[in-house]
């Protein structure tokens, strides 16, 4: 395998507007509607020439949010910054920022749909 193993991620949601508002507030970004599909998909910023994996929020009949065993980690400069926005955006903090040795720091939070996500930073 030449590239990083993750090429795309999807976070399933029940209420797209609520979920969009959460992710836009926590990461201080704007999600964009993914054209060309019948699915209700909103993508995080994508640049095929940049490091990391692109992904989207997805609302699809029959796909419930929360309760899954997949954890997506979002890269941050200092994960405490994004963690500090979670509660005000309607989510919850499961585990506050903590060290993971030489690999930096992580925080575990939940979004408005019951999905746990990870926040990762080197400082």
PDB file of N, CA and C in Angstrom:
ATOM      1  N   UNK A   1       0.851  -1.174   0.000  1.00  0.00           N
ATOM      2  CA  UNK A   1       0.000   0.000   0.000  1.00  0.00           C
ATOM      3  C   UNK A   1       0.896   1.236   0.000  1.00  0.00           C
ATOM      4  N   UNK A   2       0.774   2.077  -0.999  1.00  0.00           N
ATOM      5  CA  UNK A   2       1.625   3.252  -1.129  1.00  0.00           C
ATOM      6  C   UNK A   2       1.108   4.448  -0.341  1.00  0.00           C
ATOM      7  N   UNK A   3      -0.186   4.601  -0.243  1.00  0.00           N
ATOM      8  CA  UNK A   3      -0.779   5.756   0.423  1.00  0.00           C
ATOM      9  C   UNK A   3      -1.209   5.407   1.841  1.00  0.00           C
ATOM     10  N   UNK A   4      -1.647   6.413   2.572  1.00  0.00           N
ATOM     11  CA  UNK A   4      -2.251   6.150   3.872  1.00  0.00           C
ATOM     12  C   UNK A   4      -3.472   5.272   3.655  1.00  0.00           C
ATOM     13  N   UNK A   5      -3.812   4.405   4.623  1.00  0.00           N
ATOM     14  CA  UNK A   5      -4.873   3.434   4.400  1.00  0.00           C
ATOM     15  C   UNK A   5      -6.281   4.007   4.285  1.00  0.00           C
ATOM     16  N   UNK A   6      -6.538   5.182   4.814  1.00  0.00           N
ATOM     17  CA  UNK A   6      -7.885   5.750   4.740  1.00  0.00           C
ATOM     18  C   UNK A   6      -7.965   6.689   3.548  1.00  0.00           C
ATOM     19  N   UNK A   7      -8.889   6.401   2.642  1.00  0.00           N
ATOM     20  CA  UNK A   7      -9.053   7.224   1.455  1.00  0.00           C
ATOM     21  C   UNK A   7     -10.306   8.072   1.473  1.00  0.00           C
ATOM     22  N   UNK A   8     -11.241   7.771   2.370  1.00  0.00           N
ATOM     23  CA  UNK A   8     -12.528   8.494   2.440  1.00  0.00           C
ATOM     24  C   UNK A   8     -13.196   8.100   3.734  1.00  0.00           C
ATOM     25  N   UNK A   9     -13.977   8.983   4.320  1.00  0.00           N
ATOM     26  CA  UNK A   9     -14.771   8.620   5.487  1.00  0.00           C
ATOM     27  C   UNK A   9     -16.172   9.196   5.355  1.00  0.00           C
ATOM     28  N   UNK A  10     -17.114   8.531   5.975  1.00  0.00           N
ATOM     29  CA  UNK A  10     -18.500   9.016   6.039  1.00  0.00           C
ATOM     30  C   UNK A  10     -18.976   8.926   7.474  1.00  0.00           C
ATOM     31  N   UNK A  11     -19.673   9.969   7.908  1.00  0.00           N
ATOM     32  CA  UNK A  11     -20.284  10.004   9.230  1.00  0.00           C
ATOM     33  C   UNK A  11     -21.790  10.057   8.998  1.00  0.00           C
ATOM     34  N   UNK A  12     -22.481   9.011   9.404  1.00  0.00           N
ATOM     35  CA  UNK A  12     -23.928   8.937   9.174  1.00  0.00           C
ATOM     36  C   UNK A  12     -24.685   9.730  10.217  1.00  0.00           C
ATOM     37  N   UNK A  13     -25.690  10.459   9.766  1.00  0.00           N
ATOM     38  CA  UNK A  13     -26.459  11.360  10.633  1.00  0.00           C
ATOM     39  C   UNK A  13     -27.950  11.161  10.398  1.00  0.00           C
ATOM     40  N   UNK A  14     -28.751  11.569  11.358  1.00  0.00           N
ATOM     41  CA  UNK A  14     -30.204  11.520  11.228  1.00  0.00           C
ATOM     42  C   UNK A  14     -30.773  12.893  10.873  1.00  0.00           C
ATOM     43  N   UNK A  15     -30.188  13.946  11.405  1.00  0.00           N
ATOM     44  CA  UNK A  15     -30.649  15.310  11.179  1.00  0.00           C
ATOM     45  C   UNK A  15     -29.494  16.092  10.551  1.00  0.00           C
ATOM     46  N   UNK A  16     -29.519  16.252   9.237  1.00  0.00           N
ATOM     47  CA  UNK A  16     -28.386  16.851   8.531  1.00  0.00           C
ATOM     48  C   UNK A  16     -28.126  18.285   8.953  1.00  0.00           C
ATOM     49  N   UNK A  17     -29.153  19.085   9.078  1.00  0.00           N
ATOM     50  CA  UNK A  17     -28.938  20.486   9.449  1.00  0.00           C
ATOM     51  C   UNK A  17     -28.307  20.596  10.832  1.00  0.00           C
ATOM     52  N   UNK A  18     -28.779  19.805  11.768  1.00  0.00           N
ATOM     53  CA  UNK A  18     -28.217  19.813  13.126  1.00  0.00           C
ATOM     54  C   UNK A  18     -26.759  19.351  13.087  1.00  0.00           C
ATOM     55  N   UNK A  19     -26.478  18.258  12.368  1.00  0.00           N
ATOM     56  CA  UNK A  19     -25.117  17.733  12.284  1.00  0.00           C
ATOM     57  C   UNK A  19     -24.186  18.717  11.568  1.00  0.00           C
ATOM     58  N   UNK A  20     -24.650  19.305  10.462  1.00  0.00           N
ATOM     59  CA  UNK A  20     -23.853  20.299   9.745  1.00  0.00           C
ATOM     60  C   UNK A  20     -23.488  21.452  10.655  1.00  0.00           C
ATOM     61  N   UNK A  21     -24.458  21.946  11.407  1.00  0.00           N
ATOM     62  CA  UNK A  21     -24.211  23.064  12.321  1.00  0.00           C
ATOM     63  C   UNK A  21     -23.159  22.705  13.358  1.00  0.00           C
ATOM     64  N   UNK A  22     -23.224  21.486  13.887  1.00  0.00           N
ATOM     65  CA  UNK A  22     -22.248  21.023  14.879  1.00  0.00           C
ATOM     66  C   UNK A  22     -20.836  21.029  14.293  1.00  0.00           C
ATOM     67  N   UNK A  23     -20.635  20.359  13.169  1.00  0.00           N
ATOM     68  CA  UNK A  23     -19.290  20.237  12.586  1.00  0.00           C
ATOM     69  C   UNK A  23     -18.757  21.589  12.099  1.00  0.00           C
ATOM     70  N   UNK A  24     -19.629  22.419  11.545  1.00  0.00           N
ATOM     71  CA  UNK A  24     -19.184  23.742  11.115  1.00  0.00           C
ATOM     72  C   UNK A  24     -18.765  24.595  12.303  1.00  0.00           C
ATOM     73  N   UNK A  25     -19.494  24.484  13.429  1.00  0.00           N
ATOM     74  CA  UNK A  25     -19.146  25.265  14.626  1.00  0.00           C
ATOM     75  C   UNK A  25     -17.867  24.757  15.283  1.00  0.00           C
ATOM     76  N   UNK A  26     -17.745  23.455  15.455  1.00  0.00           N
ATOM     77  CA  UNK A  26     -16.575  22.892  16.143  1.00  0.00           C
ATOM     78  C   UNK A  26     -15.293  23.130  15.349  1.00  0.00           C
ATOM     79  N   UNK A  27     -15.340  22.924  14.026  1.00  0.00           N
ATOM     80  CA  UNK A  27     -14.134  23.040  13.215  1.00  0.00           C
ATOM     81  C   UNK A  27     -14.011  24.383  12.491  1.00  0.00           C
ATOM     82  N   UNK A  28     -14.909  25.324  12.798  1.00  0.00           N
ATOM     83  CA  UNK A  28     -14.866  26.666  12.204  1.00  0.00           C
ATOM     84  C   UNK A  28     -14.682  26.575  10.683  1.00  0.00           C
ATOM     85  N   UNK A  29     -15.579  25.834  10.041  1.00  0.00           N
ATOM     86  CA  UNK A  29     -15.495  25.602   8.607  1.00  0.00           C
ATOM     87  C   UNK A  29     -16.893  25.628   8.005  1.00  0.00           C
ATOM     88  N   UNK A  30     -16.964  25.504   6.699  1.00  0.00           N
ATOM     89  CA  UNK A  30     -18.238  25.403   5.989  1.00  0.00           C
ATOM     90  C   UNK A  30     -18.229  24.128   5.175  1.00  0.00           C
ATOM     91  N   UNK A  31     -19.238  23.295   5.347  1.00  0.00           N
ATOM     92  CA  UNK A  31     -19.362  22.077   4.560  1.00  0.00           C
ATOM     93  C   UNK A  31     -20.040  22.404   3.240  1.00  0.00           C
ATOM     94  N   UNK A  32     -19.752  21.603   2.215  1.00  0.00           N
ATOM     95  CA  UNK A  32     -20.302  21.844   0.879  1.00  0.00           C
ATOM     96  C   UNK A  32     -21.140  20.654   0.429  1.00  0.00           C
ATOM     97  N   UNK A  33     -22.272  20.930  -0.194  1.00  0.00           N
ATOM     98  CA  UNK A  33     -23.150  19.882  -0.734  1.00  0.00           C
ATOM     99  C   UNK A  33     -22.408  19.125  -1.815  1.00  0.00           C
ATOM    100  N   UNK A  34     -22.415  17.785  -1.737  1.00  0.00           N
ATOM    101  CA  UNK A  34     -21.758  16.960  -2.746  1.00  0.00           C
ATOM    102  C   UNK A  34     -22.716  16.792  -3.921  1.00  0.00           C
ATOM    103  N   UNK A  35     -22.363  17.323  -5.073  1.00  0.00           N
ATOM    104  CA  UNK A  35     -23.257  17.235  -6.235  1.00  0.00           C
ATOM    105  C   UNK A  35     -23.185  15.861  -6.892  1.00  0.00           C
ATOM    106  N   UNK A  36     -24.175  15.574  -7.725  1.00  0.00           N
ATOM    107  CA  UNK A  36     -24.137  14.367  -8.539  1.00  0.00           C
ATOM    108  C   UNK A  36     -24.583  13.102  -7.841  1.00  0.00           C
ATOM    109  N   UNK A  37     -25.256  13.217  -6.717  1.00  0.00           N
ATOM    110  CA  UNK A  37     -25.757  12.039  -6.014  1.00  0.00           C
ATOM    111  C   UNK A  37     -27.140  12.326  -5.463  1.00  0.00           C
ATOM    112  N   UNK A  38     -27.947  11.284  -5.343  1.00  0.00           N
ATOM    113  CA  UNK A  38     -29.278  11.436  -4.756  1.00  0.00           C
ATOM    114  C   UNK A  38     -29.222  11.449  -3.241  1.00  0.00           C
ATOM    115  N   UNK A  39     -28.066  11.085  -2.683  1.00  0.00           N
ATOM    116  CA  UNK A  39     -27.905  11.074  -1.236  1.00  0.00           C
ATOM    117  C   UNK A  39     -27.718  12.489  -0.706  1.00  0.00           C
ATOM    118  N   UNK A  40     -28.117  12.704   0.526  1.00  0.00           N
ATOM    119  CA  UNK A  40     -27.894  13.981   1.188  1.00  0.00           C
ATOM    120  C   UNK A  40     -26.499  13.924   1.809  1.00  0.00           C
ATOM    121  N   UNK A  41     -25.499  14.416   1.057  1.00  0.00           N
ATOM    122  CA  UNK A  41     -24.096  14.362   1.494  1.00  0.00           C
ATOM    123  C   UNK A  41     -23.493  15.761   1.496  1.00  0.00           C
ATOM    124  N   UNK A  42     -22.803  16.082   2.588  1.00  0.00           N
ATOM    125  CA  UNK A  42     -22.115  17.363   2.727  1.00  0.00           C
ATOM    126  C   UNK A  42     -20.667  17.082   3.080  1.00  0.00           C
ATOM    127  N   UNK A  43     -19.738  17.587   2.266  1.00  0.00           N
ATOM    128  CA  UNK A  43     -18.325  17.260   2.429  1.00  0.00           C
ATOM    129  C   UNK A  43     -17.567  18.296   3.254  1.00  0.00           C
ATOM    130  N   UNK A  44     -16.542  17.768   3.918  1.00  0.00           N
ATOM    131  CA  UNK A  44     -15.551  18.630   4.546  1.00  0.00           C
ATOM    132  C   UNK A  44     -14.651  19.109   3.410  1.00  0.00           C
ATOM    133  N   UNK A  45     -13.877  20.156   3.623  1.00  0.00           N
ATOM    134  CA  UNK A  45     -13.002  20.676   2.572  1.00  0.00           C
ATOM    135  C   UNK A  45     -12.142  19.582   1.969  1.00  0.00           C
ATOM    136  N   UNK A  46     -12.070  19.533   0.658  1.00  0.00           N
ATOM    137  CA  UNK A  46     -11.295  18.495  -0.016  1.00  0.00           C
ATOM    138  C   UNK A  46     -10.269  19.127  -0.939  1.00  0.00           C
ATOM    139  N   UNK A  47      -9.049  18.595  -0.884  1.00  0.00           N
ATOM    140  CA  UNK A  47      -7.975  18.981  -1.785  1.00  0.00           C
ATOM    141  C   UNK A  47      -7.172  17.721  -2.052  1.00  0.00           C
ATOM    142  N   UNK A  48      -7.306  17.173  -3.251  1.00  0.00           N
ATOM    143  CA  UNK A  48      -6.658  15.902  -3.575  1.00  0.00           C
ATOM    144  C   UNK A  48      -5.140  15.944  -3.491  1.00  0.00           C
ATOM    145  N   UNK A  49      -4.555  17.137  -3.489  1.00  0.00           N
ATOM    146  CA  UNK A  49      -3.107  17.256  -3.411  1.00  0.00           C
ATOM    147  C   UNK A  49      -2.610  17.477  -1.986  1.00  0.00           C
ATOM    148  N   UNK A  50      -3.516  17.467  -1.013  1.00  0.00           N
ATOM    149  CA  UNK A  50      -3.140  17.691   0.382  1.00  0.00           C
ATOM    150  C   UNK A  50      -3.113  16.387   1.159  1.00  0.00           C
ATOM    151  N   UNK A  51      -2.495  16.434   2.321  1.00  0.00           N
ATOM    152  CA  UNK A  51      -2.395  15.291   3.224  1.00  0.00           C
ATOM    153  C   UNK A  51      -3.752  15.010   3.868  1.00  0.00           C
ATOM    154  N   UNK A  52      -4.061  13.759   4.126  1.00  0.00           N
ATOM    155  CA  UNK A  52      -5.277  13.387   4.842  1.00  0.00           C
ATOM    156  C   UNK A  52      -6.349  12.842   3.924  1.00  0.00           C
ATOM    157  N   UNK A  53      -7.434  12.390   4.539  1.00  0.00           N
ATOM    158  CA  UNK A  53      -8.530  11.767   3.797  1.00  0.00           C
ATOM    159  C   UNK A  53      -9.735  12.698   3.749  1.00  0.00           C
ATOM    160  N   UNK A  54     -10.362  12.821   2.585  1.00  0.00           N
ATOM    161  CA  UNK A  54     -11.597  13.589   2.494  1.00  0.00           C
ATOM    162  C   UNK A  54     -12.766  12.774   3.051  1.00  0.00           C
ATOM    163  N   UNK A  55     -13.867  13.447   3.321  1.00  0.00           N
ATOM    164  CA  UNK A  55     -15.027  12.737   3.831  1.00  0.00           C
ATOM    165  C   UNK A  55     -16.261  13.610   3.870  1.00  0.00           C
ATOM    166  N   UNK A  56     -17.375  13.015   4.315  1.00  0.00           N
ATOM    167  CA  UNK A  56     -18.655  13.708   4.273  1.00  0.00           C
ATOM    168  C   UNK A  56     -19.584  13.249   5.380  1.00  0.00           C
ATOM    169  N   UNK A  57     -20.542  14.114   5.703  1.00  0.00           N
ATOM    170  CA  UNK A  57     -21.700  13.723   6.494  1.00  0.00           C
ATOM    171  C   UNK A  57     -22.688  13.128   5.510  1.00  0.00           C
ATOM    172  N   UNK A  58     -23.375  12.041   5.891  1.00  0.00           N
ATOM    173  CA  UNK A  58     -24.314  11.376   4.986  1.00  0.00           C
ATOM    174  C   UNK A  58     -25.617  11.095   5.731  1.00  0.00           C
ATOM    175  N   UNK A  59     -26.725  11.441   5.097  1.00  0.00           N
ATOM    176  CA  UNK A  59     -28.050  11.077   5.605  1.00  0.00           C
ATOM    177  C   UNK A  59     -28.660  10.130   4.585  1.00  0.00           C
ATOM    178  N   UNK A  60     -28.899   8.881   5.005  1.00  0.00           N
ATOM    179  CA  UNK A  60     -29.412   7.866   4.091  1.00  0.00           C
ATOM    180  C   UNK A  60     -30.423   6.997   4.829  1.00  0.00           C
ATOM    181  N   UNK A  61     -31.563   6.760   4.204  1.00  0.00           N
ATOM    182  CA  UNK A  61     -32.564   5.882   4.801  1.00  0.00           C
ATOM    183  C   UNK A  61     -31.949   4.531   5.123  1.00  0.00           C
ATOM    184  N   UNK A  62     -32.219   4.030   6.329  1.00  0.00           N
ATOM    185  CA  UNK A  62     -31.735   2.726   6.742  1.00  0.00           C
ATOM    186  C   UNK A  62     -30.364   2.725   7.385  1.00  0.00           C
ATOM    187  N   UNK A  63     -29.654   3.851   7.377  1.00  0.00           N
ATOM    188  CA  UNK A  63     -28.327   3.941   8.011  1.00  0.00           C
ATOM    189  C   UNK A  63     -28.422   4.825   9.236  1.00  0.00           C
ATOM    190  N   UNK A  64     -28.419   4.199  10.381  1.00  0.00           N
ATOM    191  CA  UNK A  64     -28.537   4.923  11.646  1.00  0.00           C
ATOM    192  C   UNK A  64     -27.201   5.533  12.045  1.00  0.00           C
ATOM    193  N   UNK A  65     -27.259   6.578  12.821  1.00  0.00           N
ATOM    194  CA  UNK A  65     -26.043   7.195  13.359  1.00  0.00           C
ATOM    195  C   UNK A  65     -25.778   6.651  14.762  1.00  0.00           C
ATOM    196  N   UNK A  66     -24.561   6.838  15.223  1.00  0.00           N
ATOM    197  CA  UNK A  66     -24.179   6.445  16.578  1.00  0.00           C
ATOM    198  C   UNK A  66     -24.111   4.943  16.761  1.00  0.00           C
ATOM    199  N   UNK A  67     -23.464   4.520  17.839  1.00  0.00           N
ATOM    200  CA  UNK A  67     -23.419   3.117  18.196  1.00  0.00           C
ATOM    201  C   UNK A  67     -22.528   2.250  17.333  1.00  0.00           C
ATOM    202  N   UNK A  68     -21.739   2.849  16.458  1.00  0.00           N
ATOM    203  CA  UNK A  68     -20.873   2.031  15.617  1.00  0.00           C
ATOM    204  C   UNK A  68     -19.491   1.912  16.249  1.00  0.00           C
ATOM    205  N   UNK A  69     -18.657   1.089  15.672  1.00  0.00           N
ATOM    206  CA  UNK A  69     -17.333   0.869  16.247  1.00  0.00           C
ATOM    207  C   UNK A  69     -16.228   1.524  15.434  1.00  0.00           C
ATOM    208  N   UNK A  70     -16.561   2.430  14.536  1.00  0.00           N
ATOM    209  CA  UNK A  70     -15.567   3.142  13.748  1.00  0.00           C
ATOM    210  C   UNK A  70     -15.351   4.518  14.353  1.00  0.00           C
ATOM    211  N   UNK A  71     -14.092   4.904  14.502  1.00  0.00           N
ATOM    212  CA  UNK A  71     -13.784   6.204  15.080  1.00  0.00           C
ATOM    213  C   UNK A  71     -12.947   6.995  14.087  1.00  0.00           C
ATOM    214  N   UNK A  72     -13.448   8.147  13.686  1.00  0.00           N
ATOM    215  CA  UNK A  72     -12.752   9.039  12.771  1.00  0.00           C
ATOM    216  C   UNK A  72     -12.024  10.080  13.609  1.00  0.00           C
ATOM    217  N   UNK A  73     -10.731  10.273  13.325  1.00  0.00           N
ATOM    218  CA  UNK A  73      -9.950  11.304  14.007  1.00  0.00           C
ATOM    219  C   UNK A  73      -9.749  12.485  13.070  1.00  0.00           C
ATOM    220  N   UNK A  74     -10.067  13.675  13.563  1.00  0.00           N
ATOM    221  CA  UNK A  74      -9.840  14.906  12.827  1.00  0.00           C
ATOM    222  C   UNK A  74      -8.536  15.516  13.302  1.00  0.00           C
ATOM    223  N   UNK A  75      -7.685  15.942  12.369  1.00  0.00           N
ATOM    224  CA  UNK A  75      -6.418  16.577  12.704  1.00  0.00           C
ATOM    225  C   UNK A  75      -6.658  18.028  13.108  1.00  0.00           C
ATOM    226  N   UNK A  76      -5.985  18.450  14.168  1.00  0.00           N
ATOM    227  CA  UNK A  76      -6.132  19.803  14.707  1.00  0.00           C
ATOM    228  C   UNK A  76      -4.745  20.347  15.045  1.00  0.00           C
ATOM    229  N   UNK A  77      -4.610  21.659  15.136  1.00  0.00           N
ATOM    230  CA  UNK A  77      -3.354  22.237  15.621  1.00  0.00           C
ATOM    231  C   UNK A  77      -3.207  21.981  17.110  1.00  0.00           C
ATOM    232  N   UNK A  78      -4.273  22.204  17.861  1.00  0.00           N
ATOM    233  CA  UNK A  78      -4.330  21.918  19.297  1.00  0.00           C
ATOM    234  C   UNK A  78      -5.749  21.433  19.567  1.00  0.00           C
ATOM    235  N   UNK A  79      -5.912  20.139  19.796  1.00  0.00           N
ATOM    236  CA  UNK A  79      -7.257  19.568  19.896  1.00  0.00           C
ATOM    237  C   UNK A  79      -8.078  20.157  21.044  1.00  0.00           C
ATOM    238  N   UNK A  80      -7.442  20.836  21.990  1.00  0.00           N
ATOM    239  CA  UNK A  80      -8.190  21.494  23.067  1.00  0.00           C
ATOM    240  C   UNK A  80      -9.064  22.621  22.523  1.00  0.00           C
ATOM    241  N   UNK A  81      -8.647  23.240  21.424  1.00  0.00           N
ATOM    242  CA  UNK A  81      -9.425  24.341  20.831  1.00  0.00           C
ATOM    243  C   UNK A  81     -10.759  23.815  20.311  1.00  0.00           C
ATOM    244  N   UNK A  82     -10.713  22.776  19.472  1.00  0.00           N
ATOM    245  CA  UNK A  82     -11.957  22.199  18.944  1.00  0.00           C
ATOM    246  C   UNK A  82     -12.786  21.581  20.071  1.00  0.00           C
ATOM    247  N   UNK A  83     -12.127  20.923  21.014  1.00  0.00           N
ATOM    248  CA  UNK A  83     -12.845  20.348  22.163  1.00  0.00           C
ATOM    249  C   UNK A  83     -13.629  21.428  22.904  1.00  0.00           C
ATOM    250  N   UNK A  84     -13.059  22.620  23.024  1.00  0.00           N
ATOM    251  CA  UNK A  84     -13.729  23.700  23.757  1.00  0.00           C
ATOM    252  C   UNK A  84     -14.998  24.182  23.068  1.00  0.00           C
ATOM    253  N   UNK A  85     -15.192  23.857  21.801  1.00  0.00           N
ATOM    254  CA  UNK A  85     -16.381  24.288  21.050  1.00  0.00           C
ATOM    255  C   UNK A  85     -17.500  23.250  21.044  1.00  0.00           C
ATOM    256  N   UNK A  86     -17.212  22.041  21.465  1.00  0.00           N
ATOM    257  CA  UNK A  86     -18.135  20.915  21.301  1.00  0.00           C
ATOM    258  C   UNK A  86     -19.453  21.100  22.050  1.00  0.00           C
ATOM    259  N   UNK A  87     -19.398  21.407  23.321  1.00  0.00           N
ATOM    260  CA  UNK A  87     -20.619  21.501  24.126  1.00  0.00           C
ATOM    261  C   UNK A  87     -21.518  22.630  23.623  1.00  0.00           C
ATOM    262  N   UNK A  88     -20.939  23.775  23.308  1.00  0.00           N
ATOM    263  CA  UNK A  88     -21.732  24.900  22.801  1.00  0.00           C
ATOM    264  C   UNK A  88     -22.397  24.562  21.463  1.00  0.00           C
ATOM    265  N   UNK A  89     -21.786  23.638  20.712  1.00  0.00           N
ATOM    266  CA  UNK A  89     -22.339  23.235  19.413  1.00  0.00           C
ATOM    267  C   UNK A  89     -23.355  22.110  19.548  1.00  0.00           C
ATOM    268  N   UNK A  90     -23.625  21.657  20.781  1.00  0.00           N
ATOM    269  CA  UNK A  90     -24.655  20.644  21.004  1.00  0.00           C
ATOM    270  C   UNK A  90     -24.137  19.239  21.223  1.00  0.00           C
ATOM    271  N   UNK A  91     -22.828  19.051  21.241  1.00  0.00           N
ATOM    272  CA  UNK A  91     -22.241  17.731  21.451  1.00  0.00           C
ATOM    273  C   UNK A  91     -21.827  17.525  22.897  1.00  0.00           C
ATOM    274  N   UNK A  92     -21.005  16.519  23.131  1.00  0.00           N
ATOM    275  CA  UNK A  92     -20.528  16.213  24.473  1.00  0.00           C
ATOM    276  C   UNK A  92     -19.066  15.801  24.451  1.00  0.00           C
ATOM    277  N   UNK A  93     -18.407  15.966  25.591  1.00  0.00           N
ATOM    278  CA  UNK A  93     -17.010  15.556  25.718  1.00  0.00           C
ATOM    279  C   UNK A  93     -16.981  14.232  26.474  1.00  0.00           C
ATOM    280  N   UNK A  94     -16.482  13.198  25.821  1.00  0.00           N
ATOM    281  CA  UNK A  94     -16.363  11.878  26.433  1.00  0.00           C
ATOM    282  C   UNK A  94     -15.072  11.778  27.243  1.00  0.00           C
ATOM    283  N   UNK A  95     -13.949  12.245  26.668  1.00  0.00           N
ATOM    284  CA  UNK A  95     -12.665  12.241  27.362  1.00  0.00           C
ATOM    285  C   UNK A  95     -11.894  13.475  26.904  1.00  0.00           C
ATOM    286  N   UNK A  96     -11.539  14.328  27.856  1.00  0.00           N
ATOM    287  CA  UNK A  96     -10.828  15.553  27.518  1.00  0.00           C
ATOM    288  C   UNK A  96      -9.428  15.238  27.007  1.00  0.00           C
ATOM    289  N   UNK A  97      -8.800  16.233  26.434  1.00  0.00           N
ATOM    290  CA  UNK A  97      -7.471  16.103  25.837  1.00  0.00           C
ATOM    291  C   UNK A  97      -6.519  15.362  26.771  1.00  0.00           C
ATOM    292  N   UNK A  98      -5.827  14.364  26.206  1.00  0.00           N
ATOM    293  CA  UNK A  98      -4.813  13.632  26.968  1.00  0.00           C
ATOM    294  C   UNK A  98      -3.692  13.199  26.043  1.00  0.00           C
ATOM    295  N   UNK A  99      -2.527  12.955  26.644  1.00  0.00           N
ATOM    296  CA  UNK A  99      -1.327  12.609  25.877  1.00  0.00           C
ATOM    297  C   UNK A  99      -1.369  11.162  25.419  1.00  0.00           C
ATOM    298  N   UNK A 100      -0.828  10.942  24.219  1.00  0.00           N
ATOM    299  CA  UNK A 100      -0.647   9.584  23.692  1.00  0.00           C
ATOM    300  C   UNK A 100       0.829   9.376  23.338  1.00  0.00           C
ATOM    301  N   UNK A 101       1.678   9.805  24.246  1.00  0.00           N
ATOM    302  CA  UNK A 101       3.125   9.641  24.084  1.00  0.00           C
ATOM    303  C   UNK A 101       3.666  10.466  22.941  1.00  0.00           C
ATOM    304  N   UNK A 102       4.582   9.882  22.185  1.00  0.00           N
ATOM    305  CA  UNK A 102       5.250  10.593  21.095  1.00  0.00           C
ATOM    306  C   UNK A 102       4.303  10.961  19.963  1.00  0.00           C
ATOM    307  N   UNK A 103       3.087  10.449  19.993  1.00  0.00           N
ATOM    308  CA  UNK A 103       2.123  10.699  18.916  1.00  0.00           C
ATOM    309  C   UNK A 103       1.236  11.912  19.169  1.00  0.00           C
ATOM    310  N   UNK A 104       1.451  12.615  20.272  1.00  0.00           N
ATOM    311  CA  UNK A 104       0.719  13.841  20.531  1.00  0.00           C
ATOM    312  C   UNK A 104      -0.386  13.697  21.549  1.00  0.00           C
ATOM    313  N   UNK A 105      -1.556  14.230  21.197  1.00  0.00           N
ATOM    314  CA  UNK A 105      -2.682  14.314  22.119  1.00  0.00           C
ATOM    315  C   UNK A 105      -3.978  14.008  21.379  1.00  0.00           C
ATOM    316  N   UNK A 106      -4.953  13.486  22.110  1.00  0.00           N
ATOM    317  CA  UNK A 106      -6.287  13.291  21.545  1.00  0.00           C
ATOM    318  C   UNK A 106      -7.345  13.682  22.562  1.00  0.00           C
ATOM    319  N   UNK A 107      -8.522  13.967  22.058  1.00  0.00           N
ATOM    320  CA  UNK A 107      -9.729  14.152  22.855  1.00  0.00           C
ATOM    321  C   UNK A 107     -10.824  13.356  22.151  1.00  0.00           C
ATOM    322  N   UNK A 108     -11.743  12.789  22.915  1.00  0.00           N
ATOM    323  CA  UNK A 108     -12.864  12.032  22.347  1.00  0.00           C
ATOM    324  C   UNK A 108     -14.150  12.774  22.671  1.00  0.00           C
ATOM    325  N   UNK A 109     -14.922  13.074  21.634  1.00  0.00           N
ATOM    326  CA  UNK A 109     -16.152  13.836  21.793  1.00  0.00           C
ATOM    327  C   UNK A 109     -17.288  13.164  21.029  1.00  0.00           C
ATOM    328  N   UNK A 110     -18.516  13.535  21.343  1.00  0.00           N
ATOM    329  CA  UNK A 110     -19.669  13.031  20.603  1.00  0.00           C
ATOM    330  C   UNK A 110     -20.351  14.193  19.891  1.00  0.00           C
ATOM    331  N   UNK A 111     -20.879  13.892  18.701  1.00  0.00           N
ATOM    332  CA  UNK A 111     -21.592  14.919  17.953  1.00  0.00           C
ATOM    333  C   UNK A 111     -23.074  14.904  18.332  1.00  0.00           C
ATOM    334  N   UNK A 112     -23.856  15.703  17.660  1.00  0.00           N
ATOM    335  CA  UNK A 112     -25.283  15.822  17.957  1.00  0.00           C
ATOM    336  C   UNK A 112     -26.080  14.587  17.551  1.00  0.00           C
ATOM    337  N   UNK A 113     -25.449  13.686  16.788  1.00  0.00           N
ATOM    338  CA  UNK A 113     -26.133  12.498  16.287  1.00  0.00           C
ATOM    339  C   UNK A 113     -25.771  11.234  17.059  1.00  0.00           C
ATOM    340  N   UNK A 114     -24.927  11.369  18.093  1.00  0.00           N
ATOM    341  CA  UNK A 114     -24.524  10.218  18.886  1.00  0.00           C
ATOM    342  C   UNK A 114     -23.265   9.535  18.398  1.00  0.00           C
ATOM    343  N   UNK A 115     -22.597  10.108  17.390  1.00  0.00           N
ATOM    344  CA  UNK A 115     -21.352   9.557  16.883  1.00  0.00           C
ATOM    345  C   UNK A 115     -20.178  10.044  17.726  1.00  0.00           C
ATOM    346  N   UNK A 116     -19.277   9.137  18.102  1.00  0.00           N
ATOM    347  CA  UNK A 116     -18.048   9.563  18.751  1.00  0.00           C
ATOM    348  C   UNK A 116     -17.021   9.848  17.663  1.00  0.00           C
ATOM    349  N   UNK A 117     -16.303  10.962  17.821  1.00  0.00           N
ATOM    350  CA  UNK A 117     -15.209  11.313  16.920  1.00  0.00           C
ATOM    351  C   UNK A 117     -13.986  11.630  17.771  1.00  0.00           C
ATOM    352  N   UNK A 118     -12.825  11.505  17.143  1.00  0.00           N
ATOM    353  CA  UNK A 118     -11.580  11.838  17.828  1.00  0.00           C
ATOM    354  C   UNK A 118     -11.010  13.128  17.301  1.00  0.00           C
ATOM    355  N   UNK A 119     -10.335  13.858  18.179  1.00  0.00           N
ATOM    356  CA  UNK A 119      -9.604  15.061  17.818  1.00  0.00           C
ATOM    357  C   UNK A 119      -8.143  14.769  18.112  1.00  0.00           C
ATOM    358  N   UNK A 120      -7.248  15.016  17.154  1.00  0.00           N
ATOM    359  CA  UNK A 120      -5.831  14.694  17.332  1.00  0.00           C
ATOM    360  C   UNK A 120      -4.957  15.916  17.034  1.00  0.00           C
ATOM    361  N   UNK A 121      -3.950  16.121  17.858  1.00  0.00           N
ATOM    362  CA  UNK A 121      -2.966  17.179  17.604  1.00  0.00           C
ATOM    363  C   UNK A 121      -1.611  16.765  18.143  1.00  0.00           C
ATOM    364  N   UNK A 122      -0.580  17.423  17.648  1.00  0.00           N
ATOM    365  CA  UNK A 122       0.769  17.130  18.132  1.00  0.00           C
ATOM    366  C   UNK A 122       1.142  17.983  19.332  1.00  0.00           C
ATOM    367  N   UNK A 123       0.344  19.033  19.606  1.00  0.00           N
ATOM    368  CA  UNK A 123       0.614  19.852  20.803  1.00  0.00           C
ATOM    369  C   UNK A 123      -0.602  19.941  21.684  1.00  0.00           C
TER     370      UNK A 123
END
